[in-house]
Amino acid sequence: MSEPNSPQNTPFSVKCEILGELWLSYRTDEEYQDFVEYNDLGLPLAYAIAEKIVQPSVEAERFVNESWVMLLAGLEVEDTGFSSIDDLLELDEES
């Protein structure tokens, strides 16, 4: 299991990119409906941060990180340092 500060963990900026893309591309996908509805703050915040529309506050980072942890738990994968949503979803398909 990776340590919380391990260099293998996904950087915050990439978490925002992945969650933002998930929000844009999968928010109407039935498979992700419950996740998207529950993370109605974390996902759009991640998108806004990734697109540099807003600067992340401590509270915004908390929402984004909570959404990230929930996504990984739902996919039943560990944070090994993802670089894109495709990277993450390919791992999910393998498990």
C-alpha atoms as a PDB file:
ATOM      1  CA  MET A   1       0.000   0.000   0.000  1.00  0.00           C
ATOM      2  CA  SER A   2       1.312   3.468  -0.895  1.00  0.00           C
ATOM      3  CA  GLU A   3       2.106   5.949   1.834  1.00  0.00           C
ATOM      4  CA  PRO A   4       0.081   9.206   1.794  1.00  0.00           C
ATOM      5  CA  ASN A   5       3.114  11.289   0.783  1.00  0.00           C
ATOM      6  CA  SER A   6       4.595   8.719  -1.581  1.00  0.00           C
ATOM      7  CA  PRO A   7       5.831  10.133  -4.887  1.00  0.00           C
ATOM      8  CA  GLN A   8       3.774   7.411  -6.571  1.00  0.00           C
ATOM      9  CA  ASN A   9       0.534   9.033  -5.441  1.00  0.00           C
ATOM     10  CA  THR A  10      -1.291  11.132  -7.974  1.00  0.00           C
ATOM     11  CA  PRO A  11      -0.471  14.862  -7.660  1.00  0.00           C
ATOM     12  CA  PHE A  12      -3.344  17.160  -6.704  1.00  0.00           C
ATOM     13  CA  SER A  13      -3.334  18.903 -10.098  1.00  0.00           C
ATOM     14  CA  VAL A  14      -3.741  15.562 -11.899  1.00  0.00           C
ATOM     15  CA  LYS A  15      -6.499  14.510  -9.493  1.00  0.00           C
ATOM     16  CA  CYS A  16      -8.306  17.704 -10.521  1.00  0.00           C
ATOM     17  CA  GLU A  17      -7.798  16.944 -14.221  1.00  0.00           C
ATOM     18  CA  ILE A  18      -9.069  13.369 -13.836  1.00  0.00           C
ATOM     19  CA  LEU A  19     -12.067  14.284 -11.670  1.00  0.00           C
ATOM     20  CA  GLY A  20     -12.905  17.244 -13.911  1.00  0.00           C
ATOM     21  CA  GLU A  21     -12.820  15.061 -17.001  1.00  0.00           C
ATOM     22  CA  LEU A  22     -14.901  12.420 -15.269  1.00  0.00           C
ATOM     23  CA  TRP A  23     -17.454  15.095 -14.361  1.00  0.00           C
ATOM     24  CA  LEU A  24     -17.628  16.393 -17.937  1.00  0.00           C
ATOM     25  CA  SER A  25     -17.584  13.062 -19.731  1.00  0.00           C
ATOM     26  CA  TYR A  26     -19.417  10.714 -17.373  1.00  0.00           C
ATOM     27  CA  ARG A  27     -21.862  12.832 -15.382  1.00  0.00           C
ATOM     28  CA  THR A  28     -24.803  11.463 -17.375  1.00  0.00           C
ATOM     29  CA  ASP A  29     -23.463   7.891 -17.390  1.00  0.00           C
ATOM     30  CA  GLU A  30     -25.762   5.682 -15.332  1.00  0.00           C
ATOM     31  CA  GLU A  31     -22.784   3.766 -13.896  1.00  0.00           C
ATOM     32  CA  TYR A  32     -21.438   6.949 -12.259  1.00  0.00           C
ATOM     33  CA  GLN A  33     -24.768   8.612 -11.399  1.00  0.00           C
ATOM     34  CA  ASP A  34     -24.650   8.052  -7.623  1.00  0.00           C
ATOM     35  CA  PHE A  35     -20.993   9.090  -7.458  1.00  0.00           C
ATOM     36  CA  VAL A  36     -21.607  12.284  -9.445  1.00  0.00           C
ATOM     37  CA  GLU A  37     -24.679  13.213  -7.403  1.00  0.00           C
ATOM     38  CA  TYR A  38     -22.893  12.667  -4.078  1.00  0.00           C
ATOM     39  CA  ASN A  39     -19.807  14.613  -5.200  1.00  0.00           C
ATOM     40  CA  ASP A  40     -21.781  17.581  -6.506  1.00  0.00           C
ATOM     41  CA  LEU A  41     -19.185  19.982  -5.055  1.00  0.00           C
ATOM     42  CA  GLY A  42     -15.916  18.079  -5.410  1.00  0.00           C
ATOM     43  CA  LEU A  43     -16.248  17.257  -9.105  1.00  0.00           C
ATOM     44  CA  PRO A  44     -17.114  20.726 -10.456  1.00  0.00           C
ATOM     45  CA  LEU A  45     -14.521  22.230  -8.113  1.00  0.00           C
ATOM     46  CA  ALA A  46     -11.914  19.838  -9.519  1.00  0.00           C
ATOM     47  CA  TYR A  47     -12.878  20.928 -13.041  1.00  0.00           C
ATOM     48  CA  ALA A  48     -12.698  24.633 -12.143  1.00  0.00           C
ATOM     49  CA  ILE A  49      -9.293  24.164 -10.506  1.00  0.00           C
ATOM     50  CA  ALA A  50      -7.939  22.123 -13.437  1.00  0.00           C
ATOM     51  CA  GLU A  51      -9.115  24.777 -15.896  1.00  0.00           C
ATOM     52  CA  LYS A  52      -7.610  27.530 -13.701  1.00  0.00           C
ATOM     53  CA  ILE A  53     -11.007  29.172 -13.287  1.00  0.00           C
ATOM     54  CA  VAL A  54     -10.487  29.258  -9.510  1.00  0.00           C
ATOM     55  CA  GLN A  55      -7.557  28.912  -7.133  1.00  0.00           C
ATOM     56  CA  PRO A  56      -7.888  26.001  -4.709  1.00  0.00           C
ATOM     57  CA  SER A  57      -8.578  26.933  -1.101  1.00  0.00           C
ATOM     58  CA  VAL A  58      -7.949  24.517   1.750  1.00  0.00           C
ATOM     59  CA  GLU A  59     -11.665  23.712   1.810  1.00  0.00           C
ATOM     60  CA  ALA A  60     -11.797  23.133  -1.967  1.00  0.00           C
ATOM     61  CA  GLU A  61      -8.807  20.799  -1.728  1.00  0.00           C
ATOM     62  CA  ARG A  62     -10.623  18.852   0.992  1.00  0.00           C
ATOM     63  CA  PHE A  63     -13.684  18.385  -1.252  1.00  0.00           C
ATOM     64  CA  VAL A  64     -11.552  17.327  -4.223  1.00  0.00           C
ATOM     65  CA  ASN A  65      -9.461  14.913  -2.173  1.00  0.00           C
ATOM     66  CA  GLU A  66     -12.615  13.402  -0.638  1.00  0.00           C
ATOM     67  CA  SER A  67     -14.040  12.865  -4.130  1.00  0.00           C
ATOM     68  CA  TRP A  68     -10.740  11.289  -5.217  1.00  0.00           C
ATOM     69  CA  VAL A  69     -10.696   8.855  -2.306  1.00  0.00           C
ATOM     70  CA  MET A  70     -14.317   7.899  -2.964  1.00  0.00           C
ATOM     71  CA  LEU A  71     -13.612   7.337  -6.667  1.00  0.00           C
ATOM     72  CA  LEU A  72     -10.677   5.041  -5.948  1.00  0.00           C
ATOM     73  CA  ALA A  73     -12.710   3.153  -3.334  1.00  0.00           C
ATOM     74  CA  GLY A  74     -15.603   2.736  -5.760  1.00  0.00           C
ATOM     75  CA  LEU A  75     -13.266   1.435  -8.458  1.00  0.00           C
ATOM     76  CA  GLU A  76     -11.444  -0.682  -5.862  1.00  0.00           C
ATOM     77  CA  VAL A  77      -8.003   0.553  -6.910  1.00  0.00           C
ATOM     78  CA  GLU A  78      -5.096   2.026  -4.978  1.00  0.00           C
ATOM     79  CA  ASP A  79      -3.514   5.348  -5.818  1.00  0.00           C
ATOM     80  CA  THR A  80      -0.357   4.269  -7.589  1.00  0.00           C
ATOM     81  CA  GLY A  81       0.189   7.562  -9.381  1.00  0.00           C
ATOM     82  CA  PHE A  82      -2.213   8.061 -12.262  1.00  0.00           C
ATOM     83  CA  SER A  83      -1.539  10.373 -15.179  1.00  0.00           C
ATOM     84  CA  SER A  84      -4.956  10.481 -16.869  1.00  0.00           C
ATOM     85  CA  ILE A  85      -8.524   9.273 -16.605  1.00  0.00           C
ATOM     86  CA  ASP A  86      -7.753   6.627 -19.232  1.00  0.00           C
ATOM     87  CA  ASP A  87      -4.886   5.358 -17.067  1.00  0.00           C
ATOM     88  CA  LEU A  88      -7.258   5.041 -14.096  1.00  0.00           C
ATOM     89  CA  LEU A  89     -10.169   3.484 -15.978  1.00  0.00           C
ATOM     90  CA  GLU A  90      -7.913   0.958 -17.741  1.00  0.00           C
ATOM     91  CA  LEU A  91      -6.731  -0.247 -14.345  1.00  0.00           C
ATOM     92  CA  ASP A  92     -10.351  -0.533 -13.204  1.00  0.00           C
ATOM     93  CA  GLU A  93     -11.209  -2.659 -16.256  1.00  0.00           C
ATOM     94  CA  GLU A  94      -8.320  -5.014 -15.456  1.00  0.00           C
ATOM     95  CA  SER A  95      -9.529  -5.651 -11.896  1.00  0.00           C
END
